[in-house]
């Protein structure tokens, strides 16, 4: 009894080692596949293919079925050991050593004698089984069973190889053939153990080959989803904002400056018109005085006064133009600083948002769970961390939506800048439009 227990424990240990090795190998492969999907997601966010909508409705193919197969274990040990033992069983047509039929057709055992007598025929395993020899019956059935299992294994291996190469039609046909053989042989928990009781065979269908995954298909499915399109829009906007010469950057900078510049130009035009009106009035007054006073000496004096008056007005116009140039330079300088700050903040938040979204996608998330399956509590904390990250990025989601036509975003920045500039001009200080325009534009963008 002790010997049986030792053999049983040894067999269980072999099965456990085989299962453990398969699980560990599969986990490493799934880890690699998860990283491949992560790379595909990261490179696809904000791409032309995603933003064009061509990925909408994409579906990743489930390849897990192709890595499933028939597994067998026994009191002998793992699948390899069990099949090795079964492979030694002989077919019914094989000759039985020392067993012969005599001339009268009686089955006799001549043992190790030199040979049979004339008229004797050597018996086969099938002959022994027909005579009621249970050992022969068992051996024949094991041989037949080994052939069936080998055939099923071959079909499953071919199906796996076909799926791995991308020929799913052939893979499906091969798998169906294997499944039909499994059903016809009743290779499951209800398997008939008669003739196999000494082996204690156990059949199951489970993971047999290295797992396959359609990582690009799964990535395309996620990228084509509503949330993927939204995050991709933010990433694309941030990418464009990093290029100062891009249309997005130019539009943003224009939204910060157009209102303030318009207000400055309007104030300048008003000031020039007012100055021109005063200059024309002064000229009329000097002309009237000259006509009233008459005399050469008075004419010379009035000419001198007119010259000095012209110089003062010219100086005033120069001062206005100088102030206008200075204020415009200040507006553009402040807008440039605001652009630099805004684009870096947008890039940082877009990267955080993209990372949080990628880490929450199927495949990447499942891979993360499998790698840390012995650290469930730690993984839960990470999930809550991802939720917090997503919540912190809600502002960026709103900004991305608004930038595409909402009340805020760049459209809001433009209207905000114009309104702020107008408010600054109403205060009576035309140069107050600078602060009003820039601040209004920023608030409009962040509405």
Protein backbone atom coordinates (compact mmCIF):
# COMPACT_ATOMS: atom_id res chain seq x y z
CA UNK A 1 0.00 0.00 0.00
CA UNK A 2 2.86 2.31 0.80
CA UNK A 3 4.28 1.69 -2.66
CA UNK A 4 0.99 2.59 -4.30
CA UNK A 5 0.84 5.81 -2.30
CA UNK A 6 4.35 6.75 -3.34
CA UNK A 7 3.56 6.11 -7.01
CA UNK A 8 0.36 8.12 -6.71
CA UNK A 9 2.17 11.01 -5.09
CA UNK A 10 4.90 10.88 -7.71
CA UNK A 11 2.30 10.94 -10.48
CA UNK A 12 0.46 13.84 -8.87
CA UNK A 13 3.74 15.68 -8.53
CA UNK A 14 4.51 15.14 -12.22
CA UNK A 15 1.05 16.41 -13.21
CA UNK A 16 1.48 19.44 -10.97
CA UNK A 17 4.88 20.25 -12.47
CA UNK A 18 3.49 19.96 -16.00
CA UNK A 19 0.53 22.16 -15.17
CA UNK A 20 2.68 24.68 -13.34
CA UNK A 21 5.16 24.90 -16.19
CA UNK A 22 2.36 25.42 -18.70
CA UNK A 23 0.77 28.14 -16.55
CA UNK A 24 4.06 29.94 -16.07
CA UNK A 25 4.90 29.75 -19.77
CA UNK A 26 1.43 31.00 -20.71
CA UNK A 27 1.71 33.86 -18.27
CA UNK A 28 4.99 35.02 -19.78
CA UNK A 29 3.47 34.90 -23.26
CA UNK A 30 0.35 36.80 -22.14
CA UNK A 31 2.63 39.38 -20.57
CA UNK A 32 4.38 39.81 -23.91
CA UNK A 33 1.07 39.99 -25.76
CA UNK A 34 -0.20 42.58 -23.30
CA UNK A 35 2.83 44.74 -23.98
CA UNK A 36 2.32 44.34 -27.72
CA UNK A 37 -1.27 45.49 -27.36
CA UNK A 38 -0.16 48.38 -25.15
CA UNK A 39 2.29 49.47 -27.85
CA UNK A 40 -0.41 49.24 -30.52
CA UNK A 41 -2.78 51.33 -28.41
CA UNK A 42 -0.20 53.99 -27.63
CA UNK A 43 0.92 54.32 -31.25
CA UNK A 44 -2.68 54.34 -32.50
CA UNK A 45 -3.99 57.11 -30.24
CA UNK A 46 -4.46 60.28 -32.25
CA UNK A 47 -3.41 58.58 -35.50
CA UNK A 48 -5.00 59.43 -38.84
CA UNK A 49 -6.60 55.99 -38.99
CA UNK A 50 -8.29 56.52 -35.63
CA UNK A 51 -9.40 60.10 -36.20
CA UNK A 52 -10.77 59.27 -39.66
CA UNK A 53 -13.20 56.80 -38.06
CA UNK A 54 -11.94 53.84 -40.10
CA UNK A 55 -11.46 51.81 -36.89
CA UNK A 56 -15.03 52.32 -35.72
CA UNK A 57 -16.72 48.96 -35.27
CA UNK A 58 -13.45 47.00 -35.42
CA UNK A 59 -13.51 43.69 -33.55
CA UNK A 60 -10.58 41.75 -32.17
CA UNK A 61 -10.67 38.03 -32.98
CA UNK A 62 -10.91 35.61 -30.05
CA UNK A 63 -8.06 33.17 -30.59
CA UNK A 64 -8.23 31.47 -27.18
CA UNK A 65 -10.11 28.47 -28.64
CA UNK A 66 -7.17 27.51 -30.80
CA UNK A 67 -4.85 27.05 -27.82
CA UNK A 68 -7.26 24.57 -26.19
CA UNK A 69 -6.72 20.86 -26.53
CA UNK A 70 -7.33 17.41 -25.07
CA UNK A 71 -5.21 16.70 -22.01
CA UNK A 72 -4.82 13.31 -20.33
CA UNK A 73 -3.30 12.23 -17.05
CA UNK A 74 -3.18 8.95 -15.13
CA UNK A 75 -1.73 7.23 -12.13
CA UNK A 76 1.46 7.04 -14.17
CA UNK A 77 1.88 10.80 -14.15
CA UNK A 78 1.55 13.68 -16.58
CA UNK A 79 0.37 13.56 -20.18
CA UNK A 80 3.79 12.85 -21.65
CA UNK A 81 4.47 9.97 -19.24
CA UNK A 82 0.97 8.54 -19.67
CA UNK A 83 1.11 8.57 -23.46
CA UNK A 84 4.60 7.10 -23.32
CA UNK A 85 3.34 4.16 -21.31
CA UNK A 86 0.33 3.68 -23.58
CA UNK A 87 2.49 3.75 -26.70
CA UNK A 88 3.98 0.41 -25.70
CA UNK A 89 0.61 -1.32 -25.95
CA UNK A 90 0.32 -3.61 -29.01
CA UNK A 91 -2.42 -3.88 -31.62
CA UNK A 92 -4.75 -6.86 -31.86
CA UNK A 93 -2.95 -8.13 -34.96
CA UNK A 94 0.35 -8.37 -33.11
CA UNK A 95 1.48 -11.92 -32.36
CA UNK A 96 1.25 -13.25 -28.85
CA UNK A 97 4.54 -14.71 -27.68
CA UNK A 98 4.36 -18.43 -26.89
CA UNK A 99 0.65 -18.73 -27.76
CA UNK A 100 -0.37 -21.06 -30.57
CA UNK A 101 -3.37 -22.88 -31.94
CA UNK A 102 -2.71 -26.57 -32.40
CA UNK A 103 -3.88 -28.62 -35.38
CA UNK A 104 -7.28 -29.10 -33.74
CA UNK A 105 -7.68 -25.33 -33.15
CA UNK A 106 -7.04 -25.48 -29.43
CA UNK A 107 -5.09 -22.57 -27.92
CA UNK A 108 -1.91 -23.84 -26.29
CA UNK A 109 1.02 -22.20 -24.59
CA UNK A 110 4.33 -23.67 -25.69
CA UNK A 111 6.26 -21.09 -23.71
CA UNK A 112 9.96 -20.80 -24.52
CA UNK A 113 10.20 -23.92 -26.65
CA UNK A 114 12.20 -23.75 -29.81
CA UNK A 115 9.15 -23.68 -32.08
CA UNK A 116 5.67 -24.87 -32.71
CA UNK A 117 4.82 -28.26 -34.13
CA UNK A 118 3.79 -28.67 -37.70
CA UNK A 119 0.29 -27.45 -38.29
CA UNK A 120 0.36 -24.99 -35.35
CA UNK A 121 -0.62 -21.32 -35.91
CA UNK A 122 0.72 -18.53 -33.69
CA UNK A 123 -2.07 -16.66 -31.91
CA UNK A 124 -2.53 -12.88 -32.00
CA UNK A 125 -3.59 -10.55 -29.21
CA UNK A 126 -7.06 -10.48 -30.79
CA UNK A 127 -7.18 -14.28 -30.49
CA UNK A 128 -6.28 -14.06 -26.82
CA UNK A 129 -8.86 -11.38 -26.20
CA UNK A 130 -11.53 -13.48 -27.91
CA UNK A 131 -10.61 -16.37 -25.64
CA UNK A 132 -11.29 -14.18 -22.61
CA UNK A 133 -7.76 -13.02 -21.79
CA UNK A 134 -8.34 -9.71 -19.99
CA UNK A 135 -4.73 -8.56 -20.27
CA UNK A 136 -4.87 -8.92 -24.04
CA UNK A 137 -8.17 -7.03 -24.11
CA UNK A 138 -6.68 -4.21 -22.05
CA UNK A 139 -3.58 -3.98 -24.21
CA UNK A 140 -5.57 -3.85 -27.43
CA UNK A 141 -7.81 -1.11 -26.10
CA UNK A 142 -4.85 0.91 -24.88
CA UNK A 143 -3.29 0.62 -28.32
CA UNK A 144 -6.49 1.79 -30.00
CA UNK A 145 -6.89 4.59 -27.46
CA UNK A 146 -3.31 5.75 -28.00
CA UNK A 147 -3.97 5.90 -31.75
CA UNK A 148 -7.14 7.97 -31.26
CA UNK A 149 -5.42 10.38 -28.86
CA UNK A 150 -2.44 10.71 -31.22
CA UNK A 151 -4.80 11.50 -34.09
CA UNK A 152 -6.66 14.11 -32.01
CA UNK A 153 -3.41 15.67 -30.86
CA UNK A 154 -2.18 15.87 -34.45
CA UNK A 155 -5.36 17.62 -35.61
CA UNK A 156 -5.23 20.06 -32.70
CA UNK A 157 -1.59 20.85 -33.39
CA UNK A 158 -2.37 21.51 -37.06
CA UNK A 159 -5.31 23.72 -36.08
CA UNK A 160 -3.09 25.70 -33.73
CA UNK A 161 -0.38 26.13 -36.35
CA UNK A 162 -2.96 27.27 -38.92
CA UNK A 163 -4.45 29.83 -36.53
CA UNK A 164 -1.00 31.06 -35.62
CA UNK A 165 -0.29 31.68 -39.32
CA UNK A 166 -3.63 33.48 -39.73
CA UNK A 167 -5.45 30.76 -41.70
CA UNK A 168 -8.54 30.65 -39.46
CA UNK A 169 -10.72 28.82 -41.99
CA UNK A 170 -8.39 25.82 -42.04
CA UNK A 171 -7.96 26.04 -38.26
CA UNK A 172 -11.72 25.84 -37.74
CA UNK A 173 -12.05 22.80 -40.00
CA UNK A 174 -9.23 20.96 -38.23
CA UNK A 175 -10.59 21.79 -34.80
CA UNK A 176 -14.02 20.48 -35.78
CA UNK A 177 -12.49 17.16 -36.84
CA UNK A 178 -10.69 16.91 -33.50
CA UNK A 179 -13.81 17.87 -31.54
CA UNK A 180 -15.88 15.26 -33.37
CA UNK A 181 -13.35 12.57 -32.43
CA UNK A 182 -13.38 13.71 -28.80
CA UNK A 183 -17.17 13.49 -28.69
CA UNK A 184 -17.35 10.12 -30.42
CA UNK A 185 -14.72 8.70 -28.05
CA UNK A 186 -16.38 10.25 -25.03
CA UNK A 187 -13.01 11.62 -23.94
CA UNK A 188 -14.20 13.55 -20.89
CA UNK A 189 -15.12 13.01 -17.27
CA UNK A 190 -17.51 10.23 -18.38
CA UNK A 191 -14.83 8.21 -20.13
CA UNK A 192 -15.35 4.43 -19.89
CA UNK A 193 -12.48 3.11 -17.76
CA UNK A 194 -13.10 -0.58 -18.55
CA UNK A 195 -9.80 -2.11 -19.55
CA UNK A 196 -8.01 1.00 -18.24
CA UNK A 197 -8.58 0.70 -14.54
CA UNK A 198 -4.92 0.02 -13.97
CA UNK A 199 -4.12 3.41 -15.53
CA UNK A 200 -6.87 5.53 -14.02
CA UNK A 201 -7.08 7.82 -17.06
CA UNK A 202 -8.51 11.30 -16.73
CA UNK A 203 -9.41 13.40 -19.77
CA UNK A 204 -10.10 17.11 -19.91
CA UNK A 205 -10.18 19.90 -22.47
CA UNK A 206 -8.08 22.88 -21.42
CA UNK A 207 -5.17 25.07 -22.37
CA UNK A 208 -2.66 22.93 -24.17
CA UNK A 209 -0.65 25.26 -26.44
CA UNK A 210 0.90 28.66 -26.01
CA UNK A 211 -1.93 31.22 -25.92
CA UNK A 212 -2.68 33.19 -29.09
CA UNK A 213 -4.08 36.72 -29.11
CA UNK A 214 -5.14 39.14 -31.83
CA UNK A 215 -3.35 42.07 -30.19
CA UNK A 216 -3.70 44.45 -33.16
CA UNK A 217 -7.37 43.58 -33.61
CA UNK A 218 -8.08 44.15 -29.91
CA UNK A 219 -6.19 47.45 -30.05
CA UNK A 220 -8.18 48.57 -33.11
CA UNK A 221 -11.43 47.68 -31.35
CA UNK A 222 -10.49 49.84 -28.35
CA UNK A 223 -9.20 52.69 -30.52
CA UNK A 224 -12.46 52.73 -32.49
CA UNK A 225 -14.62 52.99 -29.37
CA UNK A 226 -16.22 56.25 -28.20
CA UNK A 227 -13.80 56.66 -25.30
CA UNK A 228 -10.84 55.77 -27.52
CA UNK A 229 -11.85 58.43 -30.08
CA UNK A 230 -12.19 61.02 -27.32
CA UNK A 231 -8.79 60.26 -25.80
CA UNK A 232 -7.26 60.13 -29.27
CA UNK A 233 -8.65 63.59 -29.96
CA UNK A 234 -6.94 64.97 -26.87
CA UNK A 235 -3.64 63.29 -27.80
CA UNK A 236 -3.85 64.60 -31.35
CA UNK A 237 -4.57 68.13 -30.15
CA UNK A 238 -1.67 68.00 -27.71
CA UNK A 239 0.61 66.65 -30.45
CA UNK A 240 -0.33 69.51 -32.77
CA UNK A 241 0.07 72.07 -30.00
CA UNK A 242 3.67 70.95 -29.55
CA UNK A 243 4.42 72.32 -33.04
CA UNK A 244 4.39 76.15 -32.89
CA UNK A 245 3.82 76.34 -36.64
CA UNK A 246 0.82 73.96 -36.72
CA UNK A 247 -2.65 75.22 -37.60
CA UNK A 248 -3.86 74.30 -34.10
CA UNK A 249 -1.09 76.32 -32.44
CA UNK A 250 -1.62 79.31 -34.74
CA UNK A 251 -5.36 79.22 -34.09
CA UNK A 252 -4.80 79.08 -30.34
CA UNK A 253 -2.33 81.95 -30.34
CA UNK A 254 -4.64 83.98 -32.57
CA UNK A 255 -7.46 83.41 -30.08
CA UNK A 256 -5.29 84.95 -27.35
CA UNK A 257 -4.19 87.99 -29.37
CA UNK A 258 -6.88 88.86 -31.91
CA UNK A 259 -9.26 90.47 -29.43
CA UNK A 260 -6.59 92.50 -27.68
CA UNK A 261 -4.94 93.58 -30.96
CA UNK A 262 -8.31 94.61 -32.36
CA UNK A 263 -8.98 96.71 -29.26
CA UNK A 264 -5.55 98.36 -29.50
CA UNK A 265 -6.05 99.16 -33.19
CA UNK A 266 -9.50 100.56 -32.48
CA UNK A 267 -8.17 102.78 -29.71
CA UNK A 268 -5.32 103.91 -31.95
CA UNK A 269 -7.75 104.80 -34.78
CA UNK A 270 -9.91 106.78 -32.36
CA UNK A 271 -6.90 108.61 -30.98
CA UNK A 272 -5.57 109.43 -34.47
CA UNK A 273 -8.98 110.67 -35.58
CA UNK A 274 -9.32 112.82 -32.48
CA UNK A 275 -5.81 114.18 -32.94
CA UNK A 276 -6.50 114.95 -36.59
CA UNK A 277 -9.68 116.76 -35.68
CA UNK A 278 -7.83 118.86 -33.11
CA UNK A 279 -5.09 119.62 -35.63
CA UNK A 280 -7.61 120.76 -38.24
CA UNK A 281 -9.37 122.91 -35.64
CA UNK A 282 -6.10 124.52 -34.61
CA UNK A 283 -5.26 125.25 -38.23
CA UNK A 284 -8.61 126.94 -38.79
CA UNK A 285 -8.18 129.04 -35.68
CA UNK A 286 -4.72 130.21 -36.76
CA UNK A 287 -5.99 130.98 -40.26
CA UNK A 288 -8.87 133.05 -38.92
CA UNK A 289 -6.54 134.97 -36.59
CA UNK A 290 -4.12 135.67 -39.42
CA UNK A 291 -6.89 137.07 -41.62
CA UNK A 292 -8.18 139.23 -38.78
CA UNK A 293 -4.89 140.68 -37.71
CA UNK A 294 -3.32 141.07 -41.16
CA UNK A 295 0.17 142.54 -41.62
CA UNK A 296 3.35 140.90 -42.65
CA UNK A 297 4.72 140.65 -39.15
CA UNK A 298 1.60 138.91 -37.88
CA UNK A 299 1.69 136.51 -40.83
CA UNK A 300 5.26 135.50 -39.97
CA UNK A 301 4.28 134.98 -36.33
CA UNK A 302 1.29 132.83 -37.25
CA UNK A 303 3.45 130.75 -39.57
CA UNK A 304 5.85 130.09 -36.73
CA UNK A 305 2.97 129.15 -34.44
CA UNK A 306 1.57 126.83 -37.09
CA UNK A 307 4.94 125.15 -37.49
CA UNK A 308 5.28 124.56 -33.75
CA UNK A 309 1.70 123.30 -33.64
CA UNK A 310 2.43 120.88 -36.48
CA UNK A 311 5.48 119.59 -34.64
CA UNK A 312 3.44 118.98 -31.49
CA UNK A 313 0.77 117.10 -33.40
CA UNK A 314 3.38 115.08 -35.26
CA UNK A 315 5.04 114.25 -31.94
CA UNK A 316 1.65 113.22 -30.51
CA UNK A 317 1.03 110.93 -33.48
CA UNK A 318 4.48 109.41 -33.07
CA UNK A 319 3.77 108.82 -29.39
CA UNK A 320 0.49 107.09 -30.25
CA UNK A 321 2.17 104.83 -32.79
CA UNK A 322 4.97 104.06 -30.34
CA UNK A 323 2.49 103.16 -27.63
CA UNK A 324 0.55 100.99 -30.08
CA UNK A 325 3.71 99.12 -31.10
CA UNK A 326 4.72 98.64 -27.46
CA UNK A 327 1.28 97.36 -26.47
CA UNK A 328 1.13 94.96 -29.40
CA UNK A 329 4.57 93.64 -28.54
CA UNK A 330 3.39 93.13 -24.95
CA UNK A 331 0.25 91.31 -26.15
CA UNK A 332 2.22 88.98 -28.40
CA UNK A 333 4.81 88.39 -25.67
CA UNK A 334 2.17 87.52 -23.06
CA UNK A 335 0.35 85.31 -25.56
CA UNK A 336 3.60 83.46 -26.34
CA UNK A 337 4.15 82.81 -22.64
CA UNK A 338 0.57 81.64 -22.26
CA UNK A 339 0.94 79.35 -25.28
CA UNK A 340 4.12 77.78 -23.91
CA UNK A 341 2.50 77.15 -20.53
CA UNK A 342 -0.75 75.88 -22.00
CA UNK A 343 0.82 73.46 -24.51
CA UNK A 344 3.09 71.90 -21.89
CA UNK A 345 0.18 71.46 -19.47
CA UNK A 346 -1.96 69.98 -22.24
CA UNK A 347 0.83 67.58 -23.26
CA UNK A 348 1.36 66.43 -19.66
CA UNK A 349 -2.32 65.88 -19.00
CA UNK A 350 -2.87 64.23 -22.38
CA UNK A 351 -0.06 61.77 -21.64
CA UNK A 352 -1.57 60.98 -18.22
CA UNK A 353 -5.02 60.56 -19.71
CA UNK A 354 -3.71 58.28 -22.47
CA UNK A 355 -1.79 56.16 -19.97
CA UNK A 356 -4.82 55.77 -17.70
CA UNK A 357 -7.01 54.82 -20.66
CA UNK A 358 -4.52 52.31 -22.10
CA UNK A 359 -4.02 50.63 -18.73
CA UNK A 360 -7.79 50.15 -18.39
CA UNK A 361 -8.26 48.33 -21.70
CA UNK A 362 -9.05 44.64 -21.99
CA UNK A 363 -5.95 42.56 -22.58
CA UNK A 364 -3.67 45.10 -21.00
CA UNK A 365 -5.78 45.09 -17.85
CA UNK A 366 -6.17 41.29 -17.85
CA UNK A 367 -2.44 40.89 -18.35
CA UNK A 368 -1.81 43.20 -15.41
CA UNK A 369 -4.15 41.08 -13.28
CA UNK A 370 -2.52 37.77 -14.26
CA UNK A 371 0.98 39.02 -13.56
CA UNK A 372 -0.10 40.16 -10.10
CA UNK A 373 -2.56 37.33 -9.34
CA UNK A 374 -0.83 36.67 -6.01
CA UNK A 375 -1.09 40.34 -5.05
CA UNK A 376 -4.84 40.92 -5.29
CA UNK A 377 -4.94 43.66 -2.71
CA UNK A 378 -2.12 45.56 -4.39
CA UNK A 379 -3.89 45.27 -7.74
CA UNK A 380 -7.10 46.65 -6.16
CA UNK A 381 -5.17 49.65 -4.94
CA UNK A 382 -3.85 50.18 -8.46
CA UNK A 383 -7.38 50.03 -9.84
CA UNK A 384 -8.45 52.72 -7.42
CA UNK A 385 -5.38 54.66 -8.49
CA UNK A 386 -6.43 54.38 -12.11
CA UNK A 387 -9.91 55.58 -11.20
CA UNK A 388 -8.40 58.57 -9.43
CA UNK A 389 -6.20 59.33 -12.42
CA UNK A 390 -9.18 59.19 -14.76
CA UNK A 391 -11.13 61.51 -12.47
CA UNK A 392 -8.25 63.97 -12.36
CA UNK A 393 -8.21 63.97 -16.15
CA UNK A 394 -11.91 64.76 -16.47
CA UNK A 395 -11.01 68.38 -17.03
CA UNK A 396 -8.91 67.40 -20.04
CA UNK A 397 -11.78 65.35 -21.43
CA UNK A 398 -14.04 68.38 -21.16
CA UNK A 399 -11.41 70.58 -22.78
CA UNK A 400 -11.04 68.18 -25.69
CA UNK A 401 -14.79 68.13 -26.24
CA UNK A 402 -15.09 71.88 -26.04
CA UNK A 403 -12.19 72.43 -28.40
CA UNK A 404 -14.17 70.64 -31.07
CA UNK A 405 -17.02 73.14 -31.09
CA UNK A 406 -18.26 73.50 -27.53
CA UNK A 407 -18.74 76.75 -25.65
CA UNK A 408 -15.21 76.63 -24.26
CA UNK A 409 -11.99 75.68 -25.97
CA UNK A 410 -10.43 77.75 -28.70
CA UNK A 411 -13.77 79.19 -29.79
CA UNK A 412 -14.36 80.36 -26.24
CA UNK A 413 -10.87 81.76 -26.12
CA UNK A 414 -11.54 83.89 -29.19
CA UNK A 415 -14.84 85.25 -27.95
CA UNK A 416 -13.44 85.64 -24.45
CA UNK A 417 -10.47 87.61 -25.75
CA UNK A 418 -12.71 89.93 -27.76
CA UNK A 419 -15.08 90.47 -24.84
CA UNK A 420 -12.19 91.03 -22.45
CA UNK A 421 -10.55 93.51 -24.81
CA UNK A 422 -13.79 95.44 -25.21
CA UNK A 423 -14.24 95.55 -21.46
CA UNK A 424 -10.71 96.84 -21.05
CA UNK A 425 -11.35 99.58 -23.60
CA UNK A 426 -14.55 100.74 -21.87
CA UNK A 427 -12.64 101.55 -18.71
CA UNK A 428 -11.27 104.65 -20.42
CA UNK A 429 -7.73 103.33 -20.65
CA UNK A 430 -7.36 101.95 -24.19
CA UNK A 431 -4.28 99.98 -23.15
CA UNK A 432 -6.34 98.13 -20.52
CA UNK A 433 -7.58 96.06 -23.46
CA UNK A 434 -4.30 94.10 -23.24
CA UNK A 435 -5.05 92.61 -19.85
CA UNK A 436 -8.73 92.22 -20.61
CA UNK A 437 -8.04 90.42 -23.91
CA UNK A 438 -5.42 87.98 -22.63
CA UNK A 439 -7.29 87.11 -19.41
CA UNK A 440 -10.58 86.84 -21.28
CA UNK A 441 -9.00 84.52 -23.82
CA UNK A 442 -7.57 82.22 -21.16
CA UNK A 443 -10.85 82.04 -19.26
CA UNK A 444 -12.68 81.40 -22.50
CA UNK A 445 -10.37 78.48 -23.34
CA UNK A 446 -10.81 76.94 -19.92
CA UNK A 447 -14.57 77.47 -19.71
